[in-house]
PDB file of N, CA and C in Angstrom:
ATOM      1  N   MET A   1       3.774  -9.413  20.531  1.00  0.00           N
ATOM      2  CA  MET A   1       2.911  -8.899  19.482  1.00  0.00           C
ATOM      3  C   MET A   1       3.455  -9.346  18.130  1.00  0.00           C
ATOM      4  N   ASN A   2       2.585  -9.548  17.194  1.00  0.00           N
ATOM      5  CA  ASN A   2       2.926 -10.001  15.858  1.00  0.00           C
ATOM      6  C   ASN A   2       3.806  -8.967  15.152  1.00  0.00           C
ATOM      7  N   THR A   3       4.916  -9.417  14.564  1.00  0.00           N
ATOM      8  CA  THR A   3       5.832  -8.526  13.870  1.00  0.00           C
ATOM      9  C   THR A   3       5.161  -7.805  12.711  1.00  0.00           C
ATOM     10  N   ALA A   4       4.311  -8.505  11.966  1.00  0.00           N
ATOM     11  CA  ALA A   4       3.610  -7.874  10.840  1.00  0.00           C
ATOM     12  C   ALA A   4       2.713  -6.750  11.328  1.00  0.00           C
ATOM     13  N   LEU A   5       2.061  -6.957  12.465  1.00  0.00           N
ATOM     14  CA  LEU A   5       1.204  -5.909  13.015  1.00  0.00           C
ATOM     15  C   LEU A   5       2.022  -4.703  13.436  1.00  0.00           C
ATOM     16  N   LEU A   6       3.192  -4.940  14.022  1.00  0.00           N
ATOM     17  CA  LEU A   6       4.056  -3.845  14.408  1.00  0.00           C
ATOM     18  C   LEU A   6       4.540  -3.067  13.192  1.00  0.00           C
ATOM     19  N   CYS A   7       4.923  -3.779  12.148  1.00  0.00           N
ATOM     20  CA  CYS A   7       5.383  -3.132  10.921  1.00  0.00           C
ATOM     21  C   CYS A   7       4.268  -2.287  10.319  1.00  0.00           C
ATOM     22  N   ARG A   8       3.068  -2.864  10.267  1.00  0.00           N
ATOM     23  CA  ARG A   8       1.935  -2.138   9.699  1.00  0.00           C
ATOM     24  C   ARG A   8       1.603  -0.907  10.538  1.00  0.00           C
ATOM     25  N   ALA A   9       1.626  -1.064  11.854  1.00  0.00           N
ATOM     26  CA  ALA A   9       1.321   0.065  12.734  1.00  0.00           C
ATOM     27  C   ALA A   9       2.358   1.171  12.546  1.00  0.00           C
ATOM     28  N   GLY A  10       3.621   0.789  12.453  1.00  0.00           N
ATOM     29  CA  GLY A  10       4.670   1.782  12.251  1.00  0.00           C
ATOM     30  C   GLY A  10       4.535   2.483  10.921  1.00  0.00           C
ATOM     31  N   LEU A  11       4.257   1.728   9.872  1.00  0.00           N
ATOM     32  CA  LEU A  11       4.095   2.329   8.550  1.00  0.00           C
ATOM     33  C   LEU A  11       2.865   3.220   8.526  1.00  0.00           C
ATOM     34  N   SER A  12       1.777   2.768   9.133  1.00  0.00           N
ATOM     35  CA  SER A  12       0.561   3.578   9.186  1.00  0.00           C
ATOM     36  C   SER A  12       0.814   4.897   9.897  1.00  0.00           C
ATOM     37  N   LEU A  13       1.569   4.838  10.984  1.00  0.00           N
ATOM     38  CA  LEU A  13       1.888   6.053  11.718  1.00  0.00           C
ATOM     39  C   LEU A  13       2.726   6.993  10.876  1.00  0.00           C
ATOM     40  N   LEU A  14       3.734   6.460  10.214  1.00  0.00           N
ATOM     41  CA  LEU A  14       4.567   7.297   9.352  1.00  0.00           C
ATOM     42  C   LEU A  14       3.753   7.911   8.225  1.00  0.00           C
ATOM     43  N   LEU A  15       2.886   7.120   7.618  1.00  0.00           N
ATOM     44  CA  LEU A  15       2.077   7.620   6.516  1.00  0.00           C
ATOM     45  C   LEU A  15       1.073   8.644   7.012  1.00  0.00           C
ATOM     46  N   ALA A  16       0.494   8.424   8.173  1.00  0.00           N
ATOM     47  CA  ALA A  16      -0.479   9.363   8.730  1.00  0.00           C
ATOM     48  C   ALA A  16       0.177  10.702   9.051  1.00  0.00           C
ATOM     49  N   CYS A  17       1.399  10.678   9.516  1.00  0.00           N
ATOM     50  CA  CYS A  17       2.104  11.921   9.809  1.00  0.00           C
ATOM     51  C   CYS A  17       2.296  12.746   8.543  1.00  0.00           C
ATOM     52  N   GLY A  18       2.462  12.075   7.426  1.00  0.00           N
ATOM     53  CA  GLY A  18       2.617  12.779   6.153  1.00  0.00           C
ATOM     54  C   GLY A  18       1.318  13.347   5.644  1.00  0.00           C
ATOM     55  N   LEU A  19       0.185  12.935   6.225  1.00  0.00           N
ATOM     56  CA  LEU A  19      -1.124  13.415   5.772  1.00  0.00           C
ATOM     57  C   LEU A  19      -1.663  14.532   6.663  1.00  0.00           C
ATOM     58  N   ALA A  20      -0.775  15.290   7.301  1.00  0.00           N
ATOM     59  CA  ALA A  20      -1.208  16.313   8.229  1.00  0.00           C
ATOM     60  C   ALA A  20      -1.912  17.475   7.528  1.00  0.00           C
ATOM     61  N   HIS A  21      -1.595  17.731   6.276  1.00  0.00           N
ATOM     62  CA  HIS A  21      -2.249  18.835   5.580  1.00  0.00           C
ATOM     63  C   HIS A  21      -3.614  18.401   5.073  1.00  0.00           C
ATOM     64  N   ALA A  22      -4.443  19.361   4.700  1.00  0.00           N
ATOM     65  CA  ALA A  22      -5.848  19.105   4.385  1.00  0.00           C
ATOM     66  C   ALA A  22      -6.034  18.255   3.126  1.00  0.00           C
ATOM     67  N   GLU A  23      -5.388  18.600   2.064  1.00  0.00           N
ATOM     68  CA  GLU A  23      -5.583  17.906   0.797  1.00  0.00           C
ATOM     69  C   GLU A  23      -4.336  17.115   0.407  1.00  0.00           C
ATOM     70  N   PRO A  24      -4.466  15.804   0.226  1.00  0.00           N
ATOM     71  CA  PRO A  24      -3.302  15.017  -0.219  1.00  0.00           C
ATOM     72  C   PRO A  24      -2.926  15.389  -1.648  1.00  0.00           C
ATOM     73  N   THR A  25      -1.673  15.199  -1.968  1.00  0.00           N
ATOM     74  CA  THR A  25      -1.171  15.488  -3.311  1.00  0.00           C
ATOM     75  C   THR A  25      -0.783  14.192  -4.003  1.00  0.00           C
ATOM     76  N   VAL A  26      -0.608  14.266  -5.302  1.00  0.00           N
ATOM     77  CA  VAL A  26      -0.187  13.092  -6.053  1.00  0.00           C
ATOM     78  C   VAL A  26       1.208  12.659  -5.606  1.00  0.00           C
ATOM     79  N   GLU A  27       2.054  13.607  -5.283  1.00  0.00           N
ATOM     80  CA  GLU A  27       3.395  13.270  -4.815  1.00  0.00           C
ATOM     81  C   GLU A  27       3.329  12.474  -3.520  1.00  0.00           C
ATOM     82  N   GLU A  28       2.394  12.862  -2.656  1.00  0.00           N
ATOM     83  CA  GLU A  28       2.224  12.130  -1.407  1.00  0.00           C
ATOM     84  C   GLU A  28       1.765  10.701  -1.667  1.00  0.00           C
ATOM     85  N   CYS A  29       0.826  10.541  -2.596  1.00  0.00           N
ATOM     86  CA  CYS A  29       0.356   9.197  -2.919  1.00  0.00           C
ATOM     87  C   CYS A  29       1.502   8.358  -3.455  1.00  0.00           C
ATOM     88  N   TRP A  30       2.318   8.939  -4.311  1.00  0.00           N
ATOM     89  CA  TRP A  30       3.436   8.184  -4.868  1.00  0.00           C
ATOM     90  C   TRP A  30       4.478   7.853  -3.809  1.00  0.00           C
ATOM     91  N   ARG A  31       4.680   8.740  -2.844  1.00  0.00           N
ATOM     92  CA  ARG A  31       5.605   8.427  -1.739  1.00  0.00           C
ATOM     93  C   ARG A  31       5.074   7.242  -0.939  1.00  0.00           C
ATOM     94  N   ARG A  32       3.777   7.257  -0.659  1.00  0.00           N
ATOM     95  CA  ARG A  32       3.175   6.138   0.063  1.00  0.00           C
ATOM     96  C   ARG A  32       3.285   4.856  -0.752  1.00  0.00           C
ATOM     97  N   ALA A  33       3.039   4.972  -2.064  1.00  0.00           N
ATOM     98  CA  ALA A  33       3.140   3.799  -2.942  1.00  0.00           C
ATOM     99  C   ALA A  33       4.564   3.255  -2.935  1.00  0.00           C
ATOM    100  N   ASP A  34       5.551   4.139  -2.945  1.00  0.00           N
ATOM    101  CA  ASP A  34       6.946   3.698  -2.904  1.00  0.00           C
ATOM    102  C   ASP A  34       7.247   2.948  -1.613  1.00  0.00           C
ATOM    103  N   ALA A  35       6.706   3.431  -0.491  1.00  0.00           N
ATOM    104  CA  ALA A  35       6.933   2.763   0.792  1.00  0.00           C
ATOM    105  C   ALA A  35       6.316   1.366   0.801  1.00  0.00           C
ATOM    106  N   VAL A  36       5.091   1.253   0.270  1.00  0.00           N
ATOM    107  CA  VAL A  36       4.431  -0.057   0.228  1.00  0.00           C
ATOM    108  C   VAL A  36       5.142  -0.968  -0.771  1.00  0.00           C
ATOM    109  N   GLU A  37       5.589  -0.401  -1.879  1.00  0.00           N
ATOM    110  CA  GLU A  37       6.299  -1.202  -2.873  1.00  0.00           C
ATOM    111  C   GLU A  37       7.582  -1.787  -2.293  1.00  0.00           C
ATOM    112  N   SER A  38       8.273  -1.013  -1.459  1.00  0.00           N
ATOM    113  CA  SER A  38       9.507  -1.549  -0.861  1.00  0.00           C
ATOM    114  C   SER A  38       9.185  -2.722   0.059  1.00  0.00           C
ATOM    115  N   MET A  39       8.014  -2.703   0.694  1.00  0.00           N
ATOM    116  CA  MET A  39       7.595  -3.848   1.505  1.00  0.00           C
ATOM    117  C   MET A  39       7.321  -5.055   0.605  1.00  0.00           C
ATOM    118  N   ALA A  40       6.649  -4.827  -0.515  1.00  0.00           N
ATOM    119  CA  ALA A  40       6.306  -5.912  -1.432  1.00  0.00           C
ATOM    120  C   ALA A  40       7.564  -6.555  -2.003  1.00  0.00           C
ATOM    121  N   GLN A  41       8.584  -5.761  -2.240  1.00  0.00           N
ATOM    122  CA  GLN A  41       9.804  -6.275  -2.855  1.00  0.00           C
ATOM    123  C   GLN A  41      10.591  -7.205  -1.934  1.00  0.00           C
ATOM    124  N   ARG A  42      10.182  -7.291  -0.697  1.00  0.00           N
ATOM    125  CA  ARG A  42      10.815  -8.239   0.219  1.00  0.00           C
ATOM    126  C   ARG A  42      10.344  -9.668  -0.032  1.00  0.00           C
ATOM    127  N   LEU A  43       9.234  -9.790  -0.765  1.00  0.00           N
ATOM    128  CA  LEU A  43       8.705 -11.113  -1.101  1.00  0.00           C
ATOM    129  C   LEU A  43       9.335 -11.606  -2.398  1.00  0.00           C
ATOM    130  N   ALA A  44       9.223 -12.912  -2.634  1.00  0.00           N
ATOM    131  CA  ALA A  44       9.739 -13.492  -3.875  1.00  0.00           C
ATOM    132  C   ALA A  44       9.040 -12.846  -5.075  1.00  0.00           C
ATOM    133  N   ALA A  45       9.761 -12.726  -6.179  1.00  0.00           N
ATOM    134  CA  ALA A  45       9.228 -12.053  -7.371  1.00  0.00           C
ATOM    135  C   ALA A  45       7.952 -12.708  -7.898  1.00  0.00           C
ATOM    136  N   ASP A  46       7.777 -14.004  -7.681  1.00  0.00           N
ATOM    137  CA  ASP A  46       6.583 -14.690  -8.188  1.00  0.00           C
ATOM    138  C   ASP A  46       5.539 -14.937  -7.100  1.00  0.00           C
ATOM    139  N   ASP A  47       5.710 -14.360  -5.936  1.00  0.00           N
ATOM    140  CA  ASP A  47       4.749 -14.529  -4.842  1.00  0.00           C
ATOM    141  C   ASP A  47       3.423 -13.865  -5.238  1.00  0.00           C
ATOM    142  N   PRO A  48       2.308 -14.587  -5.140  1.00  0.00           N
ATOM    143  CA  PRO A  48       1.014 -14.018  -5.524  1.00  0.00           C
ATOM    144  C   PRO A  48       0.638 -12.768  -4.726  1.00  0.00           C
ATOM    145  N   VAL A  49       1.039 -12.691  -3.482  1.00  0.00           N
ATOM    146  CA  VAL A  49       0.740 -11.509  -2.675  1.00  0.00           C
ATOM    147  C   VAL A  49       1.503 -10.309  -3.215  1.00  0.00           C
ATOM    148  N   ARG A  50       2.774 -10.522  -3.540  1.00  0.00           N
ATOM    149  CA  ARG A  50       3.562  -9.422  -4.117  1.00  0.00           C
ATOM    150  C   ARG A  50       2.974  -8.980  -5.448  1.00  0.00           C
ATOM    151  N   LEU A  51       2.598  -9.930  -6.287  1.00  0.00           N
ATOM    152  CA  LEU A  51       2.030  -9.580  -7.594  1.00  0.00           C
ATOM    153  C   LEU A  51       0.748  -8.791  -7.445  1.00  0.00           C
ATOM    154  N   GLU A  52      -0.092  -9.175  -6.486  1.00  0.00           N
ATOM    155  CA  GLU A  52      -1.345  -8.443  -6.242  1.00  0.00           C
ATOM    156  C   GLU A  52      -1.056  -7.027  -5.749  1.00  0.00           C
ATOM    157  N   ALA A  53      -0.132  -6.900  -4.817  1.00  0.00           N
ATOM    158  CA  ALA A  53       0.218  -5.578  -4.289  1.00  0.00           C
ATOM    159  C   ALA A  53       0.792  -4.694  -5.389  1.00  0.00           C
ATOM    160  N   GLU A  54       1.662  -5.242  -6.214  1.00  0.00           N
ATOM    161  CA  GLU A  54       2.246  -4.454  -7.308  1.00  0.00           C
ATOM    162  C   GLU A  54       1.184  -4.028  -8.310  1.00  0.00           C
ATOM    163  N   HIS A  55       0.228  -4.922  -8.595  1.00  0.00           N
ATOM    164  CA  HIS A  55      -0.873  -4.569  -9.498  1.00  0.00           C
ATOM    165  C   HIS A  55      -1.686  -3.389  -8.926  1.00  0.00           C
ATOM    166  N   LEU A  56      -2.016  -3.485  -7.639  1.00  0.00           N
ATOM    167  CA  LEU A  56      -2.780  -2.415  -7.000  1.00  0.00           C
ATOM    168  C   LEU A  56      -1.999  -1.100  -7.003  1.00  0.00           C
ATOM    169  N   LEU A  57      -0.705  -1.173  -6.800  1.00  0.00           N
ATOM    170  CA  LEU A  57       0.114   0.042  -6.813  1.00  0.00           C
ATOM    171  C   LEU A  57       0.173   0.668  -8.205  1.00  0.00           C
ATOM    172  N   ARG A  58       0.257  -0.171  -9.237  1.00  0.00           N
ATOM    173  CA  ARG A  58       0.230   0.367 -10.611  1.00  0.00           C
ATOM    174  C   ARG A  58      -1.090   1.078 -10.882  1.00  0.00           C
ATOM    175  N   GLU A  59      -2.187   0.446 -10.455  1.00  0.00           N
ATOM    176  CA  GLU A  59      -3.503   1.067 -10.631  1.00  0.00           C
ATOM    177  C   GLU A  59      -3.571   2.405  -9.882  1.00  0.00           C
ATOM    178  N   GLY A  60      -3.069   2.394  -8.672  1.00  0.00           N
ATOM    179  CA  GLY A  60      -3.071   3.619  -7.865  1.00  0.00           C
ATOM    180  C   GLY A  60      -2.260   4.734  -8.490  1.00  0.00           C
ATOM    181  N   ARG A  61      -1.098   4.392  -8.986  1.00  0.00           N
ATOM    182  CA  ARG A  61      -0.272   5.416  -9.639  1.00  0.00           C
ATOM    183  C   ARG A  61      -0.963   5.958 -10.897  1.00  0.00           C
ATOM    184  N   GLY A  62      -1.666   5.081 -11.595  1.00  0.00           N
ATOM    185  CA  GLY A  62      -2.420   5.528 -12.766  1.00  0.00           C
ATOM    186  C   GLY A  62      -3.519   6.505 -12.379  1.00  0.00           C
ATOM    187  N   GLU A  63      -4.220   6.203 -11.297  1.00  0.00           N
ATOM    188  CA  GLU A  63      -5.260   7.104 -10.808  1.00  0.00           C
ATOM    189  C   GLU A  63      -4.652   8.440 -10.382  1.00  0.00           C
ATOM    190  N   GLY A  64      -3.534   8.369  -9.679  1.00  0.00           N
ATOM    191  CA  GLY A  64      -2.872   9.597  -9.244  1.00  0.00           C
ATOM    192  C   GLY A  64      -2.424  10.436 -10.421  1.00  0.00           C
ATOM    193  N   GLY A  65      -1.925   9.784 -11.460  1.00  0.00           N
ATOM    194  CA  GLY A  65      -1.495  10.492 -12.664  1.00  0.00           C
ATOM    195  C   GLY A  65      -2.649  11.149 -13.390  1.00  0.00           C
ATOM    196  N   SER A  66      -3.850  10.654 -13.162  1.00  0.00           N
ATOM    197  CA  SER A  66      -5.052  11.239 -13.768  1.00  0.00           C
ATOM    198  C   SER A  66      -5.682  12.294 -12.861  1.00  0.00           C
ATOM    199  N   GLY A  67      -5.037  12.574 -11.741  1.00  0.00           N
ATOM    200  CA  GLY A  67      -5.552  13.576 -10.821  1.00  0.00           C
ATOM    201  C   GLY A  67      -6.532  13.046  -9.794  1.00  0.00           C
ATOM    202  N   GLU A  68      -6.740  11.741  -9.764  1.00  0.00           N
ATOM    203  CA  GLU A  68      -7.666  11.121  -8.819  1.00  0.00           C
ATOM    204  C   GLU A  68      -6.888  10.695  -7.574  1.00  0.00           C
ATOM    205  N   ILE A  69      -6.593  11.661  -6.706  1.00  0.00           N
ATOM    206  CA  ILE A  69      -5.714  11.423  -5.566  1.00  0.00           C
ATOM    207  C   ILE A  69      -6.343  10.475  -4.551  1.00  0.00           C
ATOM    208  N   GLU A  70      -7.612  10.662  -4.228  1.00  0.00           N
ATOM    209  CA  GLU A  70      -8.264   9.787  -3.239  1.00  0.00           C
ATOM    210  C   GLU A  70      -8.281   8.342  -3.731  1.00  0.00           C
ATOM    211  N   GLU A  71      -8.532   8.138  -5.017  1.00  0.00           N
ATOM    212  CA  GLU A  71      -8.519   6.783  -5.562  1.00  0.00           C
ATOM    213  C   GLU A  71      -7.117   6.202  -5.515  1.00  0.00           C
ATOM    214  N   CYS A  72      -6.123   7.037  -5.785  1.00  0.00           N
ATOM    215  CA  CYS A  72      -4.728   6.606  -5.688  1.00  0.00           C
ATOM    216  C   CYS A  72      -4.438   6.104  -4.277  1.00  0.00           C
ATOM    217  N   LEU A  73      -4.843   6.883  -3.282  1.00  0.00           N
ATOM    218  CA  LEU A  73      -4.615   6.490  -1.891  1.00  0.00           C
ATOM    219  C   LEU A  73      -5.375   5.228  -1.528  1.00  0.00           C
ATOM    220  N   ASP A  74      -6.578   5.075  -2.077  1.00  0.00           N
ATOM    221  CA  ASP A  74      -7.363   3.854  -1.825  1.00  0.00           C
ATOM    222  C   ASP A  74      -6.630   2.617  -2.345  1.00  0.00           C
ATOM    223  N   TYR A  75      -6.054   2.723  -3.549  1.00  0.00           N
ATOM    224  CA  TYR A  75      -5.301   1.594  -4.107  1.00  0.00           C
ATOM    225  C   TYR A  75      -4.059   1.287  -3.270  1.00  0.00           C
ATOM    226  N   VAL A  76      -3.380   2.326  -2.809  1.00  0.00           N
ATOM    227  CA  VAL A  76      -2.192   2.116  -1.980  1.00  0.00           C
ATOM    228  C   VAL A  76      -2.587   1.417  -0.680  1.00  0.00           C
ATOM    229  N   ASP A  77      -3.692   1.861  -0.082  1.00  0.00           N
ATOM    230  CA  ASP A  77      -4.170   1.194   1.136  1.00  0.00           C
ATOM    231  C   ASP A  77      -4.539  -0.257   0.871  1.00  0.00           C
ATOM    232  N   ALA A  78      -5.160  -0.526  -0.288  1.00  0.00           N
ATOM    233  CA  ALA A  78      -5.520  -1.910  -0.640  1.00  0.00           C
ATOM    234  C   ALA A  78      -4.270  -2.758  -0.825  1.00  0.00           C
ATOM    235  N   ALA A  79      -3.223  -2.183  -1.400  1.00  0.00           N
ATOM    236  CA  ALA A  79      -1.962  -2.916  -1.564  1.00  0.00           C
ATOM    237  C   ALA A  79      -1.354  -3.239  -0.206  1.00  0.00           C
ATOM    238  N   LEU A  80      -1.418  -2.283   0.716  1.00  0.00           N
ATOM    239  CA  LEU A  80      -0.904  -2.528   2.066  1.00  0.00           C
ATOM    240  C   LEU A  80      -1.714  -3.625   2.742  1.00  0.00           C
ATOM    241  N   ASP A  81      -3.036  -3.601   2.553  1.00  0.00           N
ATOM    242  CA  ASP A  81      -3.888  -4.654   3.109  1.00  0.00           C
ATOM    243  C   ASP A  81      -3.555  -6.016   2.511  1.00  0.00           C
ATOM    244  N   ALA A  82      -3.239  -6.048   1.220  1.00  0.00           N
ATOM    245  CA  ALA A  82      -2.886  -7.315   0.569  1.00  0.00           C
ATOM    246  C   ALA A  82      -1.612  -7.894   1.191  1.00  0.00           C
ATOM    247  N   LEU A  83      -0.683  -7.015   1.539  1.00  0.00           N
ATOM    248  CA  LEU A  83       0.570  -7.470   2.146  1.00  0.00           C
ATOM    249  C   LEU A  83       0.400  -7.874   3.600  1.00  0.00           C
ATOM    250  N   ASN A  84      -0.601  -7.308   4.261  1.00  0.00           N
ATOM    251  CA  ASN A  84      -0.827  -7.552   5.685  1.00  0.00           C
ATOM    252  C   ASN A  84      -2.299  -7.857   5.949  1.00  0.00           C
ATOM    253  N   PRO A  85      -2.786  -8.998   5.474  1.00  0.00           N
ATOM    254  CA  PRO A  85      -4.199  -9.308   5.719  1.00  0.00           C
ATOM    255  C   PRO A  85      -4.445  -9.492   7.215  1.00  0.00           C
ATOM    256  N   PRO A  86      -5.674  -9.241   7.653  1.00  0.00           N
ATOM    257  CA  PRO A  86      -5.994  -9.443   9.071  1.00  0.00           C
ATOM    258  C   PRO A  86      -5.669 -10.872   9.499  1.00  0.00           C
ATOM    259  N   ALA A  87      -5.377 -11.056  10.749  1.00  0.00           N
ATOM    260  CA  ALA A  87      -5.036 -12.368  11.284  1.00  0.00           C
ATOM    261  C   ALA A  87      -6.108 -13.388  10.929  1.00  0.00           C
ATOM    262  N   GLY A  88      -5.668 -14.525  10.477  1.00  0.00           N
ATOM    263  CA  GLY A  88      -6.605 -15.608  10.132  1.00  0.00           C
ATOM    264  C   GLY A  88      -7.106 -15.568   8.704  1.00  0.00           C
ATOM    265  N   GLU A  89      -6.884 -14.445   8.001  1.00  0.00           N
ATOM    266  CA  GLU A  89      -7.322 -14.365   6.613  1.00  0.00           C
ATOM    267  C   GLU A  89      -6.144 -14.622   5.697  1.00  0.00           C
ATOM    268  N   LYS A  90      -6.425 -15.265   4.607  1.00  0.00           N
ATOM    269  CA  LYS A  90      -5.397 -15.494   3.591  1.00  0.00           C
ATOM    270  C   LYS A  90      -5.900 -14.950   2.281  1.00  0.00           C
ATOM    271  N   LEU A  91      -4.975 -14.402   1.501  1.00  0.00           N
ATOM    272  CA  LEU A  91      -5.322 -13.894   0.186  1.00  0.00           C
ATOM    273  C   LEU A  91      -5.592 -15.089  -0.717  1.00  0.00           C
ATOM    274  N   VAL A  92      -6.731 -15.086  -1.360  1.00  0.00           N
ATOM    275  CA  VAL A  92      -7.117 -16.206  -2.219  1.00  0.00           C
ATOM    276  C   VAL A  92      -7.001 -15.751  -3.671  1.00  0.00           C
ATOM    277  N   HIS A  93      -6.302 -16.537  -4.439  1.00  0.00           N
ATOM    278  CA  HIS A  93      -6.145 -16.243  -5.873  1.00  0.00           C
ATOM    279  C   HIS A  93      -6.793 -17.364  -6.674  1.00  0.00           C
ATOM    280  N   PRO A  94      -7.522 -16.978  -7.709  1.00  0.00           N
ATOM    281  CA  PRO A  94      -8.154 -18.031  -8.543  1.00  0.00           C
ATOM    282  C   PRO A  94      -7.133 -18.867  -9.266  1.00  0.00           C
TER     283      PRO A  94
END
C-alpha cells in the first residue's frame, strides 16, 4: 500500500478520534492545523505544495480566530488534501 495513503489514513483516524464531541472548538482546529503543518514542514521550504498548504492553514487559523470553526476545519482539510492529492493528480500552480 502507498505510504502516503497510510500516513493520511493514520492522521485521519487520529483527527477523527479528536472529533468525538458534538461541536468542534477553535483549539481543536488549531491542533489539527498544527498536525498538518508538521507534515508540510517535511517538504522543502520553497516547495509549491508546502507553500499552498501553509497558505491554507493560515487562512484556516484566521477563520478559527474569527469564530468560524467549520470554515477553519475546511481549510485544514484542504491543506491536508494539498499535501496528499489523490493518486494520479498533481497540484497545478500557475
